Amino acid sequence: ADVPGTGLVAWFVAAHFIAYTAVFLAVTLSADWPRPLLR
């Protein structure tokens, strides 16, 4: 698409993927696991 308003939708998608990433990082780093970033 090359229509106005696509930026808002794209930023929404980016924001929720950032939120998903943050949740997984927060949960894995809060656990007492060896090599937590790979758990």
PDB file of all heavy atoms in Angstrom:
ATOM      1  N   ALA A   1       0.830  -1.208   0.000  1.00  0.00           N
ATOM      2  CA  ALA A   1       0.000   0.000   0.000  1.00  0.00           C
ATOM      3  C   ALA A   1       0.861   1.252   0.000  1.00  0.00           C
ATOM      4  O   ALA A   1       1.915   1.289   0.614  1.00  0.00           O
ATOM      5  CB  ALA A   1      -0.904   0.001   1.228  1.00  0.00           C
ATOM      6  N   ASP A   2       0.389   2.234  -0.687  1.00  0.00           N
ATOM      7  CA  ASP A   2       1.050   3.532  -0.666  1.00  0.00           C
ATOM      8  C   ASP A   2      -0.018   4.590  -0.395  1.00  0.00           C
ATOM      9  O   ASP A   2      -0.287   5.438  -1.218  1.00  0.00           O
ATOM     10  CB  ASP A   2       1.775   3.790  -1.987  1.00  0.00           C
ATOM     11  CG  ASP A   2       2.692   5.001  -1.903  1.00  0.00           C
ATOM     12  OD1 ASP A   2       3.113   5.345  -0.779  1.00  0.00           O
ATOM     13  OD2 ASP A   2       2.970   5.602  -2.962  1.00  0.00           O
ATOM     14  N   VAL A   3      -0.631   4.442   0.771  1.00  0.00           N
ATOM     15  CA  VAL A   3      -1.726   5.344   1.140  1.00  0.00           C
ATOM     16  C   VAL A   3      -1.389   6.027   2.457  1.00  0.00           C
ATOM     17  O   VAL A   3      -0.658   5.481   3.283  1.00  0.00           O
ATOM     18  CB  VAL A   3      -3.073   4.594   1.253  1.00  0.00           C
ATOM     19  CG1 VAL A   3      -3.495   4.037  -0.078  1.00  0.00           C
ATOM     20  CG2 VAL A   3      -2.995   3.488   2.279  1.00  0.00           C
ATOM     21  N   PRO A   4      -1.924   7.223   2.669  1.00  0.00           N
ATOM     22  CA  PRO A   4      -1.685   7.918   3.930  1.00  0.00           C
ATOM     23  C   PRO A   4      -2.281   7.129   5.104  1.00  0.00           C
ATOM     24  O   PRO A   4      -3.260   6.419   4.965  1.00  0.00           O
ATOM     25  CB  PRO A   4      -2.423   9.254   3.760  1.00  0.00           C
ATOM     26  CG  PRO A   4      -2.708   9.380   2.309  1.00  0.00           C
ATOM     27  CD  PRO A   4      -2.716   8.016   1.736  1.00  0.00           C
ATOM     28  N   GLY A   5      -1.657   7.259   6.261  1.00  0.00           N
ATOM     29  CA  GLY A   5      -2.163   6.611   7.466  1.00  0.00           C
ATOM     30  C   GLY A   5      -1.549   5.268   7.761  1.00  0.00           C
ATOM     31  O   GLY A   5      -1.819   4.670   8.798  1.00  0.00           O
ATOM     32  N   THR A   6      -0.720   4.768   6.856  1.00  0.00           N
ATOM     33  CA  THR A   6      -0.112   3.458   7.107  1.00  0.00           C
ATOM     34  C   THR A   6       0.912   3.520   8.234  1.00  0.00           C
ATOM     35  O   THR A   6       1.162   2.523   8.884  1.00  0.00           O
ATOM     36  CB  THR A   6       0.553   2.892   5.842  1.00  0.00           C
ATOM     37  OG1 THR A   6       1.549   3.808   5.392  1.00  0.00           O
ATOM     38  CG2 THR A   6      -0.453   2.628   4.751  1.00  0.00           C
ATOM     39  N   GLY A   7       1.467   4.704   8.466  1.00  0.00           N
ATOM     40  CA  GLY A   7       2.472   4.848   9.515  1.00  0.00           C
ATOM     41  C   GLY A   7       1.934   4.537  10.896  1.00  0.00           C
ATOM     42  O   GLY A   7       2.615   3.902  11.703  1.00  0.00           O
ATOM     43  N   LEU A   8       0.718   4.943  11.168  1.00  0.00           N
ATOM     44  CA  LEU A   8       0.120   4.686  12.476  1.00  0.00           C
ATOM     45  C   LEU A   8      -0.062   3.189  12.709  1.00  0.00           C
ATOM     46  O   LEU A   8       0.248   2.678  13.789  1.00  0.00           O
ATOM     47  CB  LEU A   8      -1.219   5.415  12.605  1.00  0.00           C
ATOM     48  CG  LEU A   8      -1.913   5.319  13.959  1.00  0.00           C
ATOM     49  CD1 LEU A   8      -1.019   5.877  15.059  1.00  0.00           C
ATOM     50  CD2 LEU A   8      -3.236   6.062  13.922  1.00  0.00           C
ATOM     51  N   VAL A   9      -0.538   2.483  11.704  1.00  0.00           N
ATOM     52  CA  VAL A   9      -0.700   1.033  11.818  1.00  0.00           C
ATOM     53  C   VAL A   9       0.662   0.378  12.011  1.00  0.00           C
ATOM     54  O   VAL A   9       0.828  -0.509  12.855  1.00  0.00           O
ATOM     55  CB  VAL A   9      -1.419   0.450  10.582  1.00  0.00           C
ATOM     56  CG1 VAL A   9      -1.451  -1.067  10.634  1.00  0.00           C
ATOM     57  CG2 VAL A   9      -2.821   1.016  10.459  1.00  0.00           C
ATOM     58  N   ALA A  10       1.647   0.818  11.256  1.00  0.00           N
ATOM     59  CA  ALA A  10       2.992   0.243  11.373  1.00  0.00           C
ATOM     60  C   ALA A  10       3.576   0.490  12.757  1.00  0.00           C
ATOM     61  O   ALA A  10       4.169  -0.421  13.351  1.00  0.00           O
ATOM     62  CB  ALA A  10       3.901   0.831  10.295  1.00  0.00           C
ATOM     63  N   TRP A  11       3.409   1.693  13.279  1.00  0.00           N
ATOM     64  CA  TRP A  11       3.933   1.973  14.624  1.00  0.00           C
ATOM     65  C   TRP A  11       3.218   1.135  15.681  1.00  0.00           C
ATOM     66  O   TRP A  11       3.815   0.703  16.656  1.00  0.00           O
ATOM     67  CB  TRP A  11       3.850   3.458  14.955  1.00  0.00           C
ATOM     68  CG  TRP A  11       4.949   4.246  14.312  1.00  0.00           C
ATOM     69  CD1 TRP A  11       4.821   5.208  13.372  1.00  0.00           C
ATOM     70  CD2 TRP A  11       6.360   4.118  14.548  1.00  0.00           C
ATOM     71  NE1 TRP A  11       6.059   5.686  12.999  1.00  0.00           N
ATOM     72  CE2 TRP A  11       7.023   5.034  13.709  1.00  0.00           C
ATOM     73  CE3 TRP A  11       7.131   3.303  15.375  1.00  0.00           C
ATOM     74  CZ2 TRP A  11       8.410   5.169  13.673  1.00  0.00           C
ATOM     75  CZ3 TRP A  11       8.523   3.432  15.345  1.00  0.00           C
ATOM     76  CH2 TRP A  11       9.138   4.352  14.511  1.00  0.00           C
ATOM     77  N   PHE A  12       1.929   0.882  15.482  1.00  0.00           N
ATOM     78  CA  PHE A  12       1.189   0.023  16.401  1.00  0.00           C
ATOM     79  C   PHE A  12       1.757  -1.396  16.380  1.00  0.00           C
ATOM     80  O   PHE A  12       1.991  -2.000  17.429  1.00  0.00           O
ATOM     81  CB  PHE A  12      -0.306   0.008  16.059  1.00  0.00           C
ATOM     82  CG  PHE A  12      -1.078  -0.951  16.908  1.00  0.00           C
ATOM     83  CD1 PHE A  12      -1.420  -0.636  18.206  1.00  0.00           C
ATOM     84  CD2 PHE A  12      -1.452  -2.189  16.409  1.00  0.00           C
ATOM     85  CE1 PHE A  12      -2.109  -1.528  19.004  1.00  0.00           C
ATOM     86  CE2 PHE A  12      -2.146  -3.091  17.189  1.00  0.00           C
ATOM     87  CZ  PHE A  12      -2.485  -2.763  18.496  1.00  0.00           C
ATOM     88  N   VAL A  13       1.982  -1.927  15.188  1.00  0.00           N
ATOM     89  CA  VAL A  13       2.548  -3.283  15.073  1.00  0.00           C
ATOM     90  C   VAL A  13       3.943  -3.313  15.693  1.00  0.00           C
ATOM     91  O   VAL A  13       4.272  -4.233  16.454  1.00  0.00           O
ATOM     92  CB  VAL A  13       2.564  -3.755  13.604  1.00  0.00           C
ATOM     93  CG1 VAL A  13       3.311  -5.076  13.466  1.00  0.00           C
ATOM     94  CG2 VAL A  13       1.142  -3.890  13.062  1.00  0.00           C
ATOM     95  N   ALA A  14       4.763  -2.320  15.393  1.00  0.00           N
ATOM     96  CA  ALA A  14       6.109  -2.268  15.983  1.00  0.00           C
ATOM     97  C   ALA A  14       6.030  -2.201  17.502  1.00  0.00           C
ATOM     98  O   ALA A  14       6.771  -2.903  18.194  1.00  0.00           O
ATOM     99  CB  ALA A  14       6.874  -1.060  15.433  1.00  0.00           C
ATOM    100  N   ALA A  15       5.127  -1.378  18.019  1.00  0.00           N
ATOM    101  CA  ALA A  15       5.009  -1.224  19.481  1.00  0.00           C
ATOM    102  C   ALA A  15       4.601  -2.517  20.156  1.00  0.00           C
ATOM    103  O   ALA A  15       5.139  -2.869  21.214  1.00  0.00           O
ATOM    104  CB  ALA A  15       4.005  -0.118  19.809  1.00  0.00           C
ATOM    105  N   HIS A  16       3.690  -3.252  19.564  1.00  0.00           N
ATOM    106  CA  HIS A  16       3.310  -4.473  20.264  1.00  0.00           C
ATOM    107  C   HIS A  16       4.348  -5.572  20.126  1.00  0.00           C
ATOM    108  O   HIS A  16       4.500  -6.391  21.022  1.00  0.00           O
ATOM    109  CB  HIS A  16       1.853  -4.885  19.994  1.00  0.00           C
ATOM    110  CG  HIS A  16       1.579  -5.766  18.862  1.00  0.00           C
ATOM    111  ND1 HIS A  16       1.173  -5.310  17.656  1.00  0.00           N
ATOM    112  CD2 HIS A  16       1.602  -7.103  18.765  1.00  0.00           C
ATOM    113  CE1 HIS A  16       0.967  -6.332  16.851  1.00  0.00           C
ATOM    114  NE2 HIS A  16       1.225  -7.421  17.495  1.00  0.00           N
ATOM    115  N   PHE A  17       5.153  -5.578  19.069  1.00  0.00           N
ATOM    116  CA  PHE A  17       6.264  -6.523  19.004  1.00  0.00           C
ATOM    117  C   PHE A  17       7.368  -6.122  19.989  1.00  0.00           C
ATOM    118  O   PHE A  17       8.041  -6.988  20.561  1.00  0.00           O
ATOM    119  CB  PHE A  17       6.795  -6.660  17.572  1.00  0.00           C
ATOM    120  CG  PHE A  17       6.057  -7.711  16.792  1.00  0.00           C
ATOM    121  CD1 PHE A  17       4.886  -7.398  16.115  1.00  0.00           C
ATOM    122  CD2 PHE A  17       6.515  -9.016  16.746  1.00  0.00           C
ATOM    123  CE1 PHE A  17       4.191  -8.366  15.407  1.00  0.00           C
ATOM    124  CE2 PHE A  17       5.831  -9.996  16.045  1.00  0.00           C
ATOM    125  CZ  PHE A  17       4.657  -9.671  15.376  1.00  0.00           C
ATOM    126  N   ILE A  18       7.555  -4.820  20.195  1.00  0.00           N
ATOM    127  CA  ILE A  18       8.490  -4.367  21.237  1.00  0.00           C
ATOM    128  C   ILE A  18       7.979  -4.797  22.605  1.00  0.00           C
ATOM    129  O   ILE A  18       8.751  -5.270  23.452  1.00  0.00           O
ATOM    130  CB  ILE A  18       8.689  -2.844  21.167  1.00  0.00           C
ATOM    131  CG1 ILE A  18       9.481  -2.475  19.902  1.00  0.00           C
ATOM    132  CG2 ILE A  18       9.384  -2.313  22.420  1.00  0.00           C
ATOM    133  CD1 ILE A  18       9.475  -0.997  19.573  1.00  0.00           C
ATOM    134  N   ALA A  19       6.672  -4.672  22.830  1.00  0.00           N
ATOM    135  CA  ALA A  19       6.093  -5.085  24.110  1.00  0.00           C
ATOM    136  C   ALA A  19       6.248  -6.595  24.316  1.00  0.00           C
ATOM    137  O   ALA A  19       6.621  -7.043  25.422  1.00  0.00           O
ATOM    138  CB  ALA A  19       4.624  -4.688  24.177  1.00  0.00           C
ATOM    139  N   TYR A  20       5.977  -7.389  23.286  1.00  0.00           N
ATOM    140  CA  TYR A  20       6.184  -8.842  23.392  1.00  0.00           C
ATOM    141  C   TYR A  20       7.642  -9.152  23.742  1.00  0.00           C
ATOM    142  O   TYR A  20       7.937  -9.986  24.600  1.00  0.00           O
ATOM    143  CB  TYR A  20       5.844  -9.539  22.074  1.00  0.00           C
ATOM    144  CG  TYR A  20       4.389  -9.806  21.808  1.00  0.00           C
ATOM    145  CD1 TYR A  20       3.941  -9.995  20.508  1.00  0.00           C
ATOM    146  CD2 TYR A  20       3.446  -9.897  22.828  1.00  0.00           C
ATOM    147  CE1 TYR A  20       2.614 -10.264  20.221  1.00  0.00           C
ATOM    148  CE2 TYR A  20       2.121 -10.167  22.560  1.00  0.00           C
ATOM    149  CZ  TYR A  20       1.711 -10.353  21.260  1.00  0.00           C
ATOM    150  OH  TYR A  20       0.393 -10.626  20.984  1.00  0.00           O
ATOM    151  N   THR A  21       8.566  -8.483  23.061  1.00  0.00           N
ATOM    152  CA  THR A  21       9.992  -8.692  23.334  1.00  0.00           C
ATOM    153  C   THR A  21      10.318  -8.350  24.778  1.00  0.00           C
ATOM    154  O   THR A  21      10.999  -9.115  25.467  1.00  0.00           O
ATOM    155  CB  THR A  21      10.840  -7.816  22.385  1.00  0.00           C
ATOM    156  OG1 THR A  21      10.551  -8.177  21.035  1.00  0.00           O
ATOM    157  CG2 THR A  21      12.325  -7.984  22.649  1.00  0.00           C
ATOM    158  N   ALA A  22       9.828  -7.219  25.246  1.00  0.00           N
ATOM    159  CA  ALA A  22      10.102  -6.780  26.619  1.00  0.00           C
ATOM    160  C   ALA A  22       9.552  -7.768  27.642  1.00  0.00           C
ATOM    161  O   ALA A  22      10.214  -8.055  28.649  1.00  0.00           O
ATOM    162  CB  ALA A  22       9.508  -5.383  26.844  1.00  0.00           C
ATOM    163  N   VAL A  23       8.368  -8.295  27.394  1.00  0.00           N
ATOM    164  CA  VAL A  23       7.785  -9.265  28.330  1.00  0.00           C
ATOM    165  C   VAL A  23       8.655 -10.519  28.413  1.00  0.00           C
ATOM    166  O   VAL A  23       8.973 -10.995  29.510  1.00  0.00           O
ATOM    167  CB  VAL A  23       6.335  -9.628  27.925  1.00  0.00           C
ATOM    168  CG1 VAL A  23       5.842 -10.850  28.678  1.00  0.00           C
ATOM    169  CG2 VAL A  23       5.419  -8.439  28.158  1.00  0.00           C
ATOM    170  N   PHE A  24       9.052 -11.056  27.280  1.00  0.00           N
ATOM    171  CA  PHE A  24       9.883 -12.258  27.308  1.00  0.00           C
ATOM    172  C   PHE A  24      11.232 -11.991  27.971  1.00  0.00           C
ATOM    173  O   PHE A  24      11.730 -12.816  28.734  1.00  0.00           O
ATOM    174  CB  PHE A  24      10.072 -12.850  25.909  1.00  0.00           C
ATOM    175  CG  PHE A  24       8.968 -13.785  25.525  1.00  0.00           C
ATOM    176  CD1 PHE A  24       7.968 -13.376  24.669  1.00  0.00           C
ATOM    177  CD2 PHE A  24       8.910 -15.066  26.037  1.00  0.00           C
ATOM    178  CE1 PHE A  24       6.924 -14.225  24.324  1.00  0.00           C
ATOM    179  CE2 PHE A  24       7.883 -15.935  25.707  1.00  0.00           C
ATOM    180  CZ  PHE A  24       6.887 -15.509  24.845  1.00  0.00           C
ATOM    181  N   LEU A  25      11.832 -10.835  27.698  1.00  0.00           N
ATOM    182  CA  LEU A  25      13.099 -10.504  28.343  1.00  0.00           C
ATOM    183  C   LEU A  25      12.928 -10.323  29.850  1.00  0.00           C
ATOM    184  O   LEU A  25      13.742 -10.818  30.639  1.00  0.00           O
ATOM    185  CB  LEU A  25      13.709  -9.248  27.721  1.00  0.00           C
ATOM    186  CG  LEU A  25      14.374  -9.459  26.368  1.00  0.00           C
ATOM    187  CD1 LEU A  25      14.779  -8.119  25.760  1.00  0.00           C
ATOM    188  CD2 LEU A  25      15.571 -10.385  26.477  1.00  0.00           C
ATOM    189  N   ALA A  26      11.881  -9.645  30.274  1.00  0.00           N
ATOM    190  CA  ALA A  26      11.653  -9.423  31.704  1.00  0.00           C
ATOM    191  C   ALA A  26      11.423 -10.743  32.429  1.00  0.00           C
ATOM    192  O   ALA A  26      11.992 -10.977  33.504  1.00  0.00           O
ATOM    193  CB  ALA A  26      10.461  -8.487  31.911  1.00  0.00           C
ATOM    194  N   VAL A  27      10.616 -11.613  31.849  1.00  0.00           N
ATOM    195  CA  VAL A  27      10.326 -12.889  32.496  1.00  0.00           C
ATOM    196  C   VAL A  27      11.572 -13.767  32.563  1.00  0.00           C
ATOM    197  O   VAL A  27      11.885 -14.349  33.598  1.00  0.00           O
ATOM    198  CB  VAL A  27       9.163 -13.619  31.787  1.00  0.00           C
ATOM    199  CG1 VAL A  27       9.027 -15.048  32.277  1.00  0.00           C
ATOM    200  CG2 VAL A  27       7.864 -12.854  31.996  1.00  0.00           C
ATOM    201  N   THR A  28      12.294 -13.863  31.469  1.00  0.00           N
ATOM    202  CA  THR A  28      13.466 -14.741  31.463  1.00  0.00           C
ATOM    203  C   THR A  28      14.592 -14.194  32.338  1.00  0.00           C
ATOM    204  O   THR A  28      15.286 -14.955  33.001  1.00  0.00           O
ATOM    205  CB  THR A  28      13.961 -15.020  30.028  1.00  0.00           C
ATOM    206  OG1 THR A  28      14.872 -16.118  30.068  1.00  0.00           O
ATOM    207  CG2 THR A  28      14.626 -13.834  29.394  1.00  0.00           C
ATOM    208  N   LEU A  29      14.749 -12.872  32.383  1.00  0.00           N
ATOM    209  CA  LEU A  29      15.820 -12.306  33.208  1.00  0.00           C
ATOM    210  C   LEU A  29      15.464 -12.286  34.694  1.00  0.00           C
ATOM    211  O   LEU A  29      16.353 -12.205  35.538  1.00  0.00           O
ATOM    212  CB  LEU A  29      16.171 -10.899  32.720  1.00  0.00           C
ATOM    213  CG  LEU A  29      16.830 -10.849  31.344  1.00  0.00           C
ATOM    214  CD1 LEU A  29      17.017  -9.408  30.886  1.00  0.00           C
ATOM    215  CD2 LEU A  29      18.156 -11.594  31.335  1.00  0.00           C
ATOM    216  N   SER A  30      14.182 -12.385  35.022  1.00  0.00           N
ATOM    217  CA  SER A  30      13.787 -12.410  36.430  1.00  0.00           C
ATOM    218  C   SER A  30      13.912 -13.804  37.036  1.00  0.00           C
ATOM    219  O   SER A  30      13.872 -13.952  38.256  1.00  0.00           O
ATOM    220  CB  SER A  30      12.354 -11.897  36.599  1.00  0.00           C
ATOM    221  OG  SER A  30      11.437 -12.805  36.030  1.00  0.00           O
ATOM    222  N   ALA A  31      14.050 -14.821  36.218  1.00  0.00           N
ATOM    223  CA  ALA A  31      14.211 -16.190  36.713  1.00  0.00           C
ATOM    224  C   ALA A  31      15.680 -16.463  37.007  1.00  0.00           C
ATOM    225  O   ALA A  31      16.570 -15.863  36.395  1.00  0.00           O
ATOM    226  CB  ALA A  31      13.694 -17.184  35.686  1.00  0.00           C
ATOM    227  N   ASP A  32      15.918 -17.339  37.917  1.00  0.00           N
ATOM    228  CA  ASP A  32      17.289 -17.706  38.288  1.00  0.00           C
ATOM    229  C   ASP A  32      17.722 -18.922  37.470  1.00  0.00           C
ATOM    230  O   ASP A  32      17.769 -20.045  37.962  1.00  0.00           O
ATOM    231  CB  ASP A  32      17.356 -18.005  39.788  1.00  0.00           C
ATOM    232  CG  ASP A  32      18.785 -18.196  40.267  1.00  0.00           C
ATOM    233  OD1 ASP A  32      19.705 -17.648  39.632  1.00  0.00           O
ATOM    234  OD2 ASP A  32      18.982 -18.907  41.277  1.00  0.00           O
ATOM    235  N   TRP A  33      17.997 -18.670  36.187  1.00  0.00           N
ATOM    236  CA  TRP A  33      18.371 -19.717  35.253  1.00  0.00           C
ATOM    237  C   TRP A  33      19.773 -19.461  34.739  1.00  0.00           C
ATOM    238  O   TRP A  33      20.173 -18.316  34.563  1.00  0.00           O
ATOM    239  CB  TRP A  33      17.459 -19.728  34.030  1.00  0.00           C
ATOM    240  CG  TRP A  33      16.056 -20.143  34.259  1.00  0.00           C
ATOM    241  CD1 TRP A  33      15.576 -20.935  35.260  1.00  0.00           C
ATOM    242  CD2 TRP A  33      14.930 -19.806  33.453  1.00  0.00           C
ATOM    243  NE1 TRP A  33      14.234 -21.104  35.115  1.00  0.00           N
ATOM    244  CE2 TRP A  33      13.812 -20.425  34.013  1.00  0.00           C
ATOM    245  CE3 TRP A  33      14.761 -19.044  32.309  1.00  0.00           C
ATOM    246  CZ2 TRP A  33      12.542 -20.317  33.470  1.00  0.00           C
ATOM    247  CZ3 TRP A  33      13.498 -18.930  31.766  1.00  0.00           C
ATOM    248  CH2 TRP A  33      12.403 -19.561  32.346  1.00  0.00           C
ATOM    249  N   PRO A  34      20.516 -20.524  34.431  1.00  0.00           N
ATOM    250  CA  PRO A  34      21.778 -20.312  33.713  1.00  0.00           C
ATOM    251  C   PRO A  34      21.473 -19.925  32.265  1.00  0.00           C
ATOM    252  O   PRO A  34      20.479 -20.378  31.699  1.00  0.00           O
ATOM    253  CB  PRO A  34      22.477 -21.675  33.790  1.00  0.00           C
ATOM    254  CG  PRO A  34      21.378 -22.662  34.017  1.00  0.00           C
ATOM    255  CD  PRO A  34      20.275 -21.930  34.750  1.00  0.00           C
ATOM    256  N   ARG A  35      22.295 -19.071  31.704  1.00  0.00           N
ATOM    257  CA  ARG A  35      22.118 -18.591  30.322  1.00  0.00           C
ATOM    258  C   ARG A  35      20.673 -18.167  30.073  1.00  0.00           C
ATOM    259  O   ARG A  35      19.996 -18.694  29.194  1.00  0.00           O
ATOM    260  CB  ARG A  35      22.551 -19.666  29.337  1.00  0.00           C
ATOM    261  CG  ARG A  35      24.014 -19.984  29.444  1.00  0.00           C
ATOM    262  CD  ARG A  35      24.526 -21.067  28.560  1.00  0.00           C
ATOM    263  NE  ARG A  35      23.671 -21.399  27.438  1.00  0.00           N
ATOM    264  CZ  ARG A  35      23.834 -22.470  26.701  1.00  0.00           C
ATOM    265  NH1 ARG A  35      24.808 -23.291  26.957  1.00  0.00           N
ATOM    266  NH2 ARG A  35      23.038 -22.723  25.682  1.00  0.00           N
ATOM    267  N   PRO A  36      20.181 -17.190  30.837  1.00  0.00           N
ATOM    268  CA  PRO A  36      18.747 -16.857  30.787  1.00  0.00           C
ATOM    269  C   PRO A  36      18.251 -16.368  29.430  1.00  0.00           C
ATOM    270  O   PRO A  36      17.098 -16.609  29.082  1.00  0.00           O
ATOM    271  CB  PRO A  36      18.600 -15.767  31.847  1.00  0.00           C
ATOM    272  CG  PRO A  36      19.956 -15.170  31.961  1.00  0.00           C
ATOM    273  CD  PRO A  36      20.919 -16.295  31.709  1.00  0.00           C
ATOM    274  N   LEU A  37      19.091 -15.721  28.656  1.00  0.00           N
ATOM    275  CA  LEU A  37      18.619 -15.183  27.373  1.00  0.00           C
ATOM    276  C   LEU A  37      18.280 -16.283  26.375  1.00  0.00           C
ATOM    277  O   LEU A  37      17.594 -16.030  25.391  1.00  0.00           O
ATOM    278  CB  LEU A  37      19.643 -14.224  26.782  1.00  0.00           C
ATOM    279  CG  LEU A  37      19.856 -12.939  27.570  1.00  0.00           C
ATOM    280  CD1 LEU A  37      20.935 -12.092  26.925  1.00  0.00           C
ATOM    281  CD2 LEU A  37      18.564 -12.147  27.686  1.00  0.00           C
ATOM    282  N   LEU A  38      18.740 -17.491  26.631  1.00  0.00           N
ATOM    283  CA  LEU A  38      18.445 -18.600  25.727  1.00  0.00           C
ATOM    284  C   LEU A  38      17.349 -19.508  26.270  1.00  0.00           C
ATOM    285  O   LEU A  38      16.926 -20.435  25.587  1.00  0.00           O
ATOM    286  CB  LEU A  38      19.716 -19.413  25.465  1.00  0.00           C
ATOM    287  CG  LEU A  38      20.839 -18.627  24.774  1.00  0.00           C
ATOM    288  CD1 LEU A  38      22.069 -19.495  24.610  1.00  0.00           C
ATOM    289  CD2 LEU A  38      20.382 -18.074  23.439  1.00  0.00           C
ATOM    290  N   ARG A  39      16.884 -19.274  27.490  1.00  0.00           N
ATOM    291  CA  ARG A  39      15.842 -20.119  28.075  1.00  0.00           C
ATOM    292  C   ARG A  39      14.478 -19.829  27.467  1.00  0.00           C
ATOM    293  O   ARG A  39      13.682 -20.721  27.282  1.00  0.00           O
ATOM    294  CB  ARG A  39      15.792 -19.933  29.598  1.00  0.00           C
ATOM    295  CG  ARG A  39      16.955 -20.515  30.348  1.00  0.00           C
ATOM    296  CD  ARG A  39      17.110 -22.013  30.141  1.00  0.00           C
ATOM    297  NE  ARG A  39      16.012 -22.792  30.630  1.00  0.00           N
ATOM    298  CZ  ARG A  39      15.991 -23.440  31.773  1.00  0.00           C
ATOM    299  NH1 ARG A  39      17.023 -23.393  32.584  1.00  0.00           N
ATOM    300  NH2 ARG A  39      14.940 -24.140  32.111  1.00  0.00           N
TER     301      ARG A  39
END
